[in-house]
PDB file of N, CA and C in Angstrom:
ATOM      1  N   UNK A   1     -18.068   1.264  46.855  1.00  0.00           N
ATOM      2  CA  UNK A   1     -18.773   1.886  45.775  1.00  0.00           C
ATOM      3  C   UNK A   1     -19.066   0.834  44.671  1.00  0.00           C
ATOM      4  N   UNK A   2     -20.266   0.803  44.118  1.00  0.00           N
ATOM      5  CA  UNK A   2     -20.645  -0.150  43.034  1.00  0.00           C
ATOM      6  C   UNK A   2     -19.935   0.200  41.697  1.00  0.00           C
ATOM      7  N   UNK A   3     -19.648  -0.729  41.005  1.00  0.00           N
ATOM      8  CA  UNK A   3     -19.079  -0.547  39.670  1.00  0.00           C
ATOM      9  C   UNK A   3     -20.118  -0.067  38.676  1.00  0.00           C
ATOM     10  N   UNK A   4     -19.982   1.100  38.012  1.00  0.00           N
ATOM     11  CA  UNK A   4     -20.993   1.567  37.140  1.00  0.00           C
ATOM     12  C   UNK A   4     -21.203   0.828  35.886  1.00  0.00           C
ATOM     13  N   UNK A   5     -20.189  -0.013  35.541  1.00  0.00           N
ATOM     14  CA  UNK A   5     -20.350  -0.761  34.275  1.00  0.00           C
ATOM     15  C   UNK A   5     -20.849  -2.268  34.515  1.00  0.00           C
ATOM     16  N   UNK A   6     -21.042  -2.522  35.757  1.00  0.00           N
ATOM     17  CA  UNK A   6     -21.460  -3.834  36.133  1.00  0.00           C
ATOM     18  C   UNK A   6     -22.722  -4.188  35.414  1.00  0.00           C
ATOM     19  N   UNK A   7     -22.933  -5.218  34.849  1.00  0.00           N
ATOM     20  CA  UNK A   7     -24.055  -5.720  34.280  1.00  0.00           C
ATOM     21  C   UNK A   7     -24.182  -5.246  32.677  1.00  0.00           C
ATOM     22  N   UNK A   8     -23.270  -4.336  32.165  1.00  0.00           N
ATOM     23  CA  UNK A   8     -23.320  -3.969  30.918  1.00  0.00           C
ATOM     24  C   UNK A   8     -22.469  -4.962  29.961  1.00  0.00           C
ATOM     25  N   UNK A   9     -22.963  -5.203  28.762  1.00  0.00           N
ATOM     26  CA  UNK A   9     -22.247  -6.036  27.828  1.00  0.00           C
ATOM     27  C   UNK A   9     -20.895  -5.375  27.386  1.00  0.00           C
ATOM     28  N   UNK A  10     -19.981  -6.233  27.116  1.00  0.00           N
ATOM     29  CA  UNK A  10     -18.652  -5.583  26.616  1.00  0.00           C
ATOM     30  C   UNK A  10     -18.885  -4.726  25.402  1.00  0.00           C
ATOM     31  N   UNK A  11     -18.307  -3.569  25.409  1.00  0.00           N
ATOM     32  CA  UNK A  11     -18.390  -2.747  24.312  1.00  0.00           C
ATOM     33  C   UNK A  11     -17.459  -3.088  23.092  1.00  0.00           C
ATOM     34  N   UNK A  12     -16.251  -3.499  23.530  1.00  0.00           N
ATOM     35  CA  UNK A  12     -15.293  -3.857  22.477  1.00  0.00           C
ATOM     36  C   UNK A  12     -14.931  -5.517  22.652  1.00  0.00           C
ATOM     37  N   UNK A  13     -14.677  -5.997  21.511  1.00  0.00           N
ATOM     38  CA  UNK A  13     -14.263  -7.466  21.597  1.00  0.00           C
ATOM     39  C   UNK A  13     -12.910  -7.659  20.994  1.00  0.00           C
ATOM     40  N   UNK A  14     -12.116  -8.506  21.622  1.00  0.00           N
ATOM     41  CA  UNK A  14     -10.809  -8.891  20.974  1.00  0.00           C
ATOM     42  C   UNK A  14     -11.101  -9.785  19.840  1.00  0.00           C
ATOM     43  N   UNK A  15     -10.086 -10.179  19.052  1.00  0.00           N
ATOM     44  CA  UNK A  15     -10.217 -10.946  17.800  1.00  0.00           C
ATOM     45  C   UNK A  15     -10.955 -12.263  18.044  1.00  0.00           C
ATOM     46  N   UNK A  16     -10.567 -13.059  18.994  1.00  0.00           N
ATOM     47  CA  UNK A  16     -11.162 -14.319  19.308  1.00  0.00           C
ATOM     48  C   UNK A  16     -12.677 -14.194  19.583  1.00  0.00           C
ATOM     49  N   UNK A  17     -13.088 -13.225  20.489  1.00  0.00           N
ATOM     50  CA  UNK A  17     -14.402 -13.077  20.766  1.00  0.00           C
ATOM     51  C   UNK A  17     -15.398 -12.533  19.612  1.00  0.00           C
ATOM     52  N   UNK A  18     -14.685 -11.642  18.793  1.00  0.00           N
ATOM     53  CA  UNK A  18     -15.343 -11.031  17.683  1.00  0.00           C
ATOM     54  C   UNK A  18     -15.561 -12.149  16.653  1.00  0.00           C
ATOM     55  N   UNK A  19     -14.524 -12.967  16.406  1.00  0.00           N
ATOM     56  CA  UNK A  19     -14.761 -14.054  15.458  1.00  0.00           C
ATOM     57  C   UNK A  19     -15.862 -14.983  15.985  1.00  0.00           C
ATOM     58  N   UNK A  20     -15.968 -15.314  17.240  1.00  0.00           N
ATOM     59  CA  UNK A  20     -17.112 -16.123  17.645  1.00  0.00           C
ATOM     60  C   UNK A  20     -18.474 -15.441  17.452  1.00  0.00           C
ATOM     61  N   UNK A  21     -18.433 -14.156  17.685  1.00  0.00           N
ATOM     62  CA  UNK A  21     -19.720 -13.455  17.559  1.00  0.00           C
ATOM     63  C   UNK A  21     -20.059 -13.540  16.094  1.00  0.00           C
ATOM     64  N   UNK A  22     -19.177 -13.464  15.098  1.00  0.00           N
ATOM     65  CA  UNK A  22     -19.483 -13.508  13.653  1.00  0.00           C
ATOM     66  C   UNK A  22     -19.668 -14.957  13.202  1.00  0.00           C
ATOM     67  N   UNK A  23     -19.265 -15.990  14.002  1.00  0.00           N
ATOM     68  CA  UNK A  23     -19.208 -17.301  13.466  1.00  0.00           C
ATOM     69  C   UNK A  23     -18.138 -17.707  12.532  1.00  0.00           C
ATOM     70  N   UNK A  24     -16.908 -16.955  12.695  1.00  0.00           N
ATOM     71  CA  UNK A  24     -15.817 -17.130  11.932  1.00  0.00           C
ATOM     72  C   UNK A  24     -14.604 -17.668  12.673  1.00  0.00           C
ATOM     73  N   UNK A  25     -13.685 -18.123  12.179  1.00  0.00           N
ATOM     74  CA  UNK A  25     -12.442 -18.405  12.928  1.00  0.00           C
ATOM     75  C   UNK A  25     -11.637 -17.235  13.142  1.00  0.00           C
ATOM     76  N   UNK A  26     -10.818 -17.187  14.161  1.00  0.00           N
ATOM     77  CA  UNK A  26      -9.959 -16.003  14.347  1.00  0.00           C
ATOM     78  C   UNK A  26      -9.041 -15.782  13.162  1.00  0.00           C
ATOM     79  N   UNK A  27      -8.532 -16.770  12.533  1.00  0.00           N
ATOM     80  CA  UNK A  27      -7.674 -16.641  11.410  1.00  0.00           C
ATOM     81  C   UNK A  27      -8.410 -16.012  10.236  1.00  0.00           C
ATOM     82  N   UNK A  28      -9.644 -16.390  10.042  1.00  0.00           N
ATOM     83  CA  UNK A  28     -10.371 -15.760   8.953  1.00  0.00           C
ATOM     84  C   UNK A  28     -10.508 -14.192   9.124  1.00  0.00           C
ATOM     85  N   UNK A  29     -10.917 -13.843  10.455  1.00  0.00           N
ATOM     86  CA  UNK A  29     -11.006 -12.488  10.744  1.00  0.00           C
ATOM     87  C   UNK A  29      -9.738 -11.643  10.621  1.00  0.00           C
ATOM     88  N   UNK A  30      -8.602 -12.341  10.918  1.00  0.00           N
ATOM     89  CA  UNK A  30      -7.299 -11.691  10.836  1.00  0.00           C
ATOM     90  C   UNK A  30      -6.967 -11.505   9.322  1.00  0.00           C
ATOM     91  N   UNK A  31      -7.404 -12.505   8.509  1.00  0.00           N
ATOM     92  CA  UNK A  31      -7.161 -12.283   7.001  1.00  0.00           C
ATOM     93  C   UNK A  31      -7.999 -11.132   6.467  1.00  0.00           C
ATOM     94  N   UNK A  32      -9.310 -11.008   6.974  1.00  0.00           N
ATOM     95  CA  UNK A  32     -10.151  -9.910   6.579  1.00  0.00           C
ATOM     96  C   UNK A  32      -9.453  -8.629   6.920  1.00  0.00           C
ATOM     97  N   UNK A  33      -8.817  -8.570   8.035  1.00  0.00           N
ATOM     98  CA  UNK A  33      -8.232  -7.279   8.585  1.00  0.00           C
ATOM     99  C   UNK A  33      -7.060  -6.994   7.705  1.00  0.00           C
ATOM    100  N   UNK A  34      -6.270  -8.047   7.217  1.00  0.00           N
ATOM    101  CA  UNK A  34      -5.073  -7.868   6.448  1.00  0.00           C
ATOM    102  C   UNK A  34      -5.427  -7.338   4.988  1.00  0.00           C
ATOM    103  N   UNK A  35      -6.477  -7.892   4.508  1.00  0.00           N
ATOM    104  CA  UNK A  35      -6.927  -7.503   3.119  1.00  0.00           C
ATOM    105  C   UNK A  35      -7.902  -6.283   3.088  1.00  0.00           C
ATOM    106  N   UNK A  36      -8.205  -5.877   4.150  1.00  0.00           N
ATOM    107  CA  UNK A  36      -9.154  -4.580   4.315  1.00  0.00           C
ATOM    108  C   UNK A  36     -10.562  -4.929   3.893  1.00  0.00           C
ATOM    109  N   UNK A  37     -11.008  -6.264   3.940  1.00  0.00           N
ATOM    110  CA  UNK A  37     -12.342  -6.655   3.525  1.00  0.00           C
ATOM    111  C   UNK A  37     -13.186  -6.960   4.804  1.00  0.00           C
ATOM    112  N   UNK A  38     -12.715  -6.682   6.025  1.00  0.00           N
ATOM    113  CA  UNK A  38     -13.489  -7.094   7.149  1.00  0.00           C
ATOM    114  C   UNK A  38     -14.106  -5.854   7.805  1.00  0.00           C
ATOM    115  N   UNK A  39     -14.669  -6.011   8.985  1.00  0.00           N
ATOM    116  CA  UNK A  39     -15.230  -5.017   9.802  1.00  0.00           C
ATOM    117  C   UNK A  39     -14.176  -3.891  10.227  1.00  0.00           C
ATOM    118  N   UNK A  40     -14.689  -2.741  10.547  1.00  0.00           N
ATOM    119  CA  UNK A  40     -13.764  -1.721  11.197  1.00  0.00           C
ATOM    120  C   UNK A  40     -13.207  -2.252  12.503  1.00  0.00           C
ATOM    121  N   UNK A  41     -11.903  -2.007  12.641  1.00  0.00           N
ATOM    122  CA  UNK A  41     -11.375  -2.309  13.974  1.00  0.00           C
ATOM    123  C   UNK A  41     -10.578  -1.124  14.498  1.00  0.00           C
ATOM    124  N   UNK A  42     -10.179  -1.183  15.727  1.00  0.00           N
ATOM    125  CA  UNK A  42      -9.447  -0.117  16.349  1.00  0.00           C
ATOM    126  C   UNK A  42      -8.213  -0.851  16.978  1.00  0.00           C
ATOM    127  N   UNK A  43      -7.177  -0.037  17.178  1.00  0.00           N
ATOM    128  CA  UNK A  43      -5.980  -0.551  17.790  1.00  0.00           C
ATOM    129  C   UNK A  43      -5.894   0.446  19.049  1.00  0.00           C
ATOM    130  N   UNK A  44      -5.856  -0.256  20.277  1.00  0.00           N
ATOM    131  CA  UNK A  44      -5.682   0.226  21.561  1.00  0.00           C
ATOM    132  C   UNK A  44      -4.290  -0.213  22.039  1.00  0.00           C
ATOM    133  N   UNK A  45      -3.300   0.513  21.956  1.00  0.00           N
ATOM    134  CA  UNK A  45      -1.936   0.130  22.280  1.00  0.00           C
ATOM    135  C   UNK A  45      -1.556  -0.931  21.225  1.00  0.00           C
ATOM    136  N   UNK A  46      -1.237  -2.112  21.627  1.00  0.00           N
ATOM    137  CA  UNK A  46      -1.052  -3.197  20.690  1.00  0.00           C
ATOM    138  C   UNK A  46      -2.168  -4.009  20.476  1.00  0.00           C
ATOM    139  N   UNK A  47      -3.342  -3.792  21.008  1.00  0.00           N
ATOM    140  CA  UNK A  47      -4.532  -4.623  20.987  1.00  0.00           C
ATOM    141  C   UNK A  47      -5.311  -4.144  19.893  1.00  0.00           C
ATOM    142  N   UNK A  48      -5.934  -5.171  19.163  1.00  0.00           N
ATOM    143  CA  UNK A  48      -6.888  -5.026  18.066  1.00  0.00           C
ATOM    144  C   UNK A  48      -8.218  -5.292  18.721  1.00  0.00           C
ATOM    145  N   UNK A  49      -9.116  -4.406  18.602  1.00  0.00           N
ATOM    146  CA  UNK A  49     -10.599  -4.568  19.187  1.00  0.00           C
ATOM    147  C   UNK A  49     -11.509  -4.077  18.144  1.00  0.00           C
ATOM    148  N   UNK A  50     -12.715  -4.772  18.288  1.00  0.00           N
ATOM    149  CA  UNK A  50     -13.869  -4.532  17.384  1.00  0.00           C
ATOM    150  C   UNK A  50     -15.011  -3.943  18.167  1.00  0.00           C
ATOM    151  N   UNK A  51     -15.686  -2.994  17.813  1.00  0.00           N
ATOM    152  CA  UNK A  51     -16.934  -2.434  18.434  1.00  0.00           C
ATOM    153  C   UNK A  51     -18.044  -3.419  17.978  1.00  0.00           C
ATOM    154  N   UNK A  52     -18.904  -3.824  18.818  1.00  0.00           N
ATOM    155  CA  UNK A  52     -19.992  -4.638  18.530  1.00  0.00           C
ATOM    156  C   UNK A  52     -20.809  -4.079  17.489  1.00  0.00           C
ATOM    157  N   UNK A  53     -21.069  -2.736  17.428  1.00  0.00           N
ATOM    158  CA  UNK A  53     -21.939  -2.062  16.447  1.00  0.00           C
ATOM    159  C   UNK A  53     -21.165  -2.168  15.118  1.00  0.00           C
ATOM    160  N   UNK A  54     -19.939  -2.104  15.007  1.00  0.00           N
ATOM    161  CA  UNK A  54     -19.183  -2.194  13.742  1.00  0.00           C
ATOM    162  C   UNK A  54     -19.314  -3.643  13.178  1.00  0.00           C
ATOM    163  N   UNK A  55     -19.198  -4.665  14.099  1.00  0.00           N
ATOM    164  CA  UNK A  55     -19.454  -6.112  13.578  1.00  0.00           C
ATOM    165  C   UNK A  55     -20.858  -6.247  12.997  1.00  0.00           C
ATOM    166  N   UNK A  56     -21.818  -5.745  13.681  1.00  0.00           N
ATOM    167  CA  UNK A  56     -23.213  -5.824  13.252  1.00  0.00           C
ATOM    168  C   UNK A  56     -23.382  -5.059  11.912  1.00  0.00           C
ATOM    169  N   UNK A  57     -22.793  -3.881  11.792  1.00  0.00           N
ATOM    170  CA  UNK A  57     -22.869  -3.149  10.499  1.00  0.00           C
ATOM    171  C   UNK A  57     -22.157  -3.844   9.329  1.00  0.00           C
ATOM    172  N   UNK A  58     -21.128  -4.494   9.632  1.00  0.00           N
ATOM    173  CA  UNK A  58     -20.366  -5.244   8.638  1.00  0.00           C
ATOM    174  C   UNK A  58     -21.273  -6.425   8.161  1.00  0.00           C
ATOM    175  N   UNK A  59     -21.934  -7.232   9.043  1.00  0.00           N
ATOM    176  CA  UNK A  59     -22.746  -8.207   8.788  1.00  0.00           C
ATOM    177  C   UNK A  59     -23.921  -7.848   7.981  1.00  0.00           C
ATOM    178  N   UNK A  60     -24.468  -6.688   8.423  1.00  0.00           N
ATOM    179  CA  UNK A  60     -25.690  -6.095   7.745  1.00  0.00           C
ATOM    180  C   UNK A  60     -25.440  -5.747   6.246  1.00  0.00           C
ATOM    181  N   UNK A  61     -24.254  -5.346   5.924  1.00  0.00           N
ATOM    182  CA  UNK A  61     -23.860  -5.121   4.516  1.00  0.00           C
ATOM    183  C   UNK A  61     -24.263  -6.136   3.600  1.00  0.00           C
ATOM    184  N   UNK A  62     -24.271  -7.366   4.116  1.00  0.00           N
ATOM    185  CA  UNK A  62     -24.414  -8.548   3.266  1.00  0.00           C
ATOM    186  C   UNK A  62     -25.922  -9.017   3.327  1.00  0.00           C
ATOM    187  N   UNK A  63     -26.796  -8.339   4.068  1.00  0.00           N
ATOM    188  CA  UNK A  63     -28.179  -8.689   4.156  1.00  0.00           C
ATOM    189  C   UNK A  63     -29.002  -8.540   2.770  1.00  0.00           C
ATOM    190  N   UNK A  64     -29.711  -9.710   2.604  1.00  0.00           N
ATOM    191  CA  UNK A  64     -30.421  -9.782   1.318  1.00  0.00           C
ATOM    192  C   UNK A  64     -31.729 -10.469   1.589  1.00  0.00           C
ATOM    193  N   UNK A  65     -32.780 -10.160   0.807  1.00  0.00           N
ATOM    194  CA  UNK A  65     -34.102 -10.863   0.998  1.00  0.00           C
ATOM    195  C   UNK A  65     -34.368 -11.923   0.127  1.00  0.00           C
ATOM    196  N   UNK A  66     -33.636 -11.982  -1.066  1.00  0.00           N
ATOM    197  CA  UNK A  66     -33.680 -13.101  -2.066  1.00  0.00           C
ATOM    198  C   UNK A  66     -32.441 -13.131  -2.816  1.00  0.00           C
ATOM    199  N   UNK A  67     -32.301 -14.213  -3.656  1.00  0.00           N
ATOM    200  CA  UNK A  67     -31.093 -14.314  -4.469  1.00  0.00           C
ATOM    201  C   UNK A  67     -30.993 -13.191  -5.616  1.00  0.00           C
ATOM    202  N   UNK A  68     -32.132 -12.574  -5.930  1.00  0.00           N
ATOM    203  CA  UNK A  68     -32.126 -11.459  -6.836  1.00  0.00           C
ATOM    204  C   UNK A  68     -31.938 -10.085  -6.282  1.00  0.00           C
ATOM    205  N   UNK A  69     -32.007 -10.040  -4.979  1.00  0.00           N
ATOM    206  CA  UNK A  69     -31.927  -8.692  -4.235  1.00  0.00           C
ATOM    207  C   UNK A  69     -30.430  -8.332  -4.180  1.00  0.00           C
ATOM    208  N   UNK A  70     -30.117  -7.044  -4.835  1.00  0.00           N
ATOM    209  CA  UNK A  70     -28.772  -6.629  -4.812  1.00  0.00           C
ATOM    210  C   UNK A  70     -28.246  -6.231  -3.321  1.00  0.00           C
ATOM    211  N   UNK A  71     -29.268  -5.975  -2.489  1.00  0.00           N
ATOM    212  CA  UNK A  71     -28.772  -5.644  -1.009  1.00  0.00           C
ATOM    213  C   UNK A  71     -28.278  -4.296  -0.873  1.00  0.00           C
ATOM    214  N   UNK A  72     -27.697  -4.012   0.296  1.00  0.00           N
ATOM    215  CA  UNK A  72     -27.059  -2.839   0.609  1.00  0.00           C
ATOM    216  C   UNK A  72     -25.626  -2.845   0.160  1.00  0.00           C
ATOM    217  N   UNK A  73     -24.974  -3.973  -0.061  1.00  0.00           N
ATOM    218  CA  UNK A  73     -23.585  -3.945  -0.400  1.00  0.00           C
ATOM    219  C   UNK A  73     -23.185  -5.473  -0.362  1.00  0.00           C
ATOM    220  N   UNK A  74     -21.903  -5.745  -0.310  1.00  0.00           N
ATOM    221  CA  UNK A  74     -21.352  -6.976  -0.478  1.00  0.00           C
ATOM    222  C   UNK A  74     -20.335  -7.204   0.725  1.00  0.00           C
ATOM    223  N   UNK A  75     -20.345  -8.385   1.304  1.00  0.00           N
ATOM    224  CA  UNK A  75     -19.291  -8.687   2.298  1.00  0.00           C
ATOM    225  C   UNK A  75     -18.356  -9.648   1.438  1.00  0.00           C
ATOM    226  N   UNK A  76     -17.172  -9.037   1.202  1.00  0.00           N
ATOM    227  CA  UNK A  76     -16.263  -9.744   0.330  1.00  0.00           C
ATOM    228  C   UNK A  76     -15.483 -10.938   1.121  1.00  0.00           C
ATOM    229  N   UNK A  77     -15.109 -11.881   0.350  1.00  0.00           N
ATOM    230  CA  UNK A  77     -14.291 -12.966   0.872  1.00  0.00           C
ATOM    231  C   UNK A  77     -12.922 -12.552   1.464  1.00  0.00           C
ATOM    232  N   UNK A  78     -12.294 -13.292   2.232  1.00  0.00           N
ATOM    233  CA  UNK A  78     -10.985 -12.876   2.954  1.00  0.00           C
ATOM    234  C   UNK A  78      -9.892 -13.219   2.094  1.00  0.00           C
ATOM    235  N   UNK A  79      -9.781 -12.277   1.040  1.00  0.00           N
ATOM    236  CA  UNK A  79      -8.621 -12.595   0.150  1.00  0.00           C
ATOM    237  C   UNK A  79      -8.402 -11.337  -0.578  1.00  0.00           C
ATOM    238  N   UNK A  80      -7.185 -11.094  -1.098  1.00  0.00           N
ATOM    239  CA  UNK A  80      -6.600  -9.892  -1.814  1.00  0.00           C
ATOM    240  C   UNK A  80      -7.744  -9.654  -2.945  1.00  0.00           C
ATOM    241  N   UNK A  81      -8.154  -8.322  -2.978  1.00  0.00           N
ATOM    242  CA  UNK A  81      -9.137  -7.974  -3.907  1.00  0.00           C
ATOM    243  C   UNK A  81      -8.581  -7.232  -5.135  1.00  0.00           C
ATOM    244  N   UNK A  82      -7.393  -6.756  -5.001  1.00  0.00           N
ATOM    245  CA  UNK A  82      -6.911  -6.072  -6.258  1.00  0.00           C
ATOM    246  C   UNK A  82      -5.412  -6.625  -6.613  1.00  0.00           C
ATOM    247  N   UNK A  83      -5.242  -6.822  -7.905  1.00  0.00           N
ATOM    248  CA  UNK A  83      -3.908  -7.465  -8.245  1.00  0.00           C
ATOM    249  C   UNK A  83      -2.767  -6.526  -7.858  1.00  0.00           C
ATOM    250  N   UNK A  84      -1.726  -7.094  -7.502  1.00  0.00           N
ATOM    251  CA  UNK A  84      -0.427  -6.392  -7.222  1.00  0.00           C
ATOM    252  C   UNK A  84       0.176  -6.025  -8.504  1.00  0.00           C
ATOM    253  N   UNK A  85       0.560  -4.742  -8.776  1.00  0.00           N
ATOM    254  CA  UNK A  85       1.214  -4.459 -10.064  1.00  0.00           C
ATOM    255  C   UNK A  85       2.631  -4.999 -10.072  1.00  0.00           C
ATOM    256  N   UNK A  86       2.966  -5.288 -11.281  1.00  0.00           N
ATOM    257  CA  UNK A  86       4.242  -5.990 -11.507  1.00  0.00           C
ATOM    258  C   UNK A  86       5.335  -4.911 -11.252  1.00  0.00           C
ATOM    259  N   UNK A  87       6.310  -5.056 -10.378  1.00  0.00           N
ATOM    260  CA  UNK A  87       7.262  -3.964 -10.002  1.00  0.00           C
ATOM    261  C   UNK A  87       8.614  -4.109 -10.846  1.00  0.00           C
ATOM    262  N   UNK A  88       8.845  -5.175 -11.516  1.00  0.00           N
ATOM    263  CA  UNK A  88      10.072  -5.349 -12.296  1.00  0.00           C
ATOM    264  C   UNK A  88       9.947  -4.762 -13.657  1.00  0.00           C
ATOM    265  N   UNK A  89      10.853  -5.098 -14.535  1.00  0.00           N
ATOM    266  CA  UNK A  89      10.767  -4.637 -16.044  1.00  0.00           C
ATOM    267  C   UNK A  89       9.642  -5.268 -16.645  1.00  0.00           C
ATOM    268  N   UNK A  90       9.121  -4.593 -17.650  1.00  0.00           N
ATOM    269  CA  UNK A  90       8.027  -5.210 -18.555  1.00  0.00           C
ATOM    270  C   UNK A  90       8.468  -6.441 -19.273  1.00  0.00           C
ATOM    271  N   UNK A  91       7.671  -7.539 -19.216  1.00  0.00           N
ATOM    272  CA  UNK A  91       7.954  -8.776 -19.899  1.00  0.00           C
ATOM    273  C   UNK A  91       7.585  -8.607 -21.261  1.00  0.00           C
ATOM    274  N   UNK A  92       8.456  -9.251 -22.078  1.00  0.00           N
ATOM    275  CA  UNK A  92       8.076  -9.307 -23.625  1.00  0.00           C
ATOM    276  C   UNK A  92       8.042 -10.551 -24.064  1.00  0.00           C
TER     277      UNK A  92
END
């Protein structure tokens, strides 16, 4: 019996393949995931996977036609975006 998925492109990519698809390093994509600035991902068991449509949508958020174009949104850098509140006593 022939495989019904033969010839179809992969629907989900693991981190290394998703990073190559985006032109990023795996570590950068992991940082985006940690800080919540990256594309939507899913966890299947212990595996992190990315839908190709989600990767394309994340990239498209940063699409612009000129330097003055506000675009649809912003693709943030892979770093913490909100300051961590001070948990100790107030400094004087």
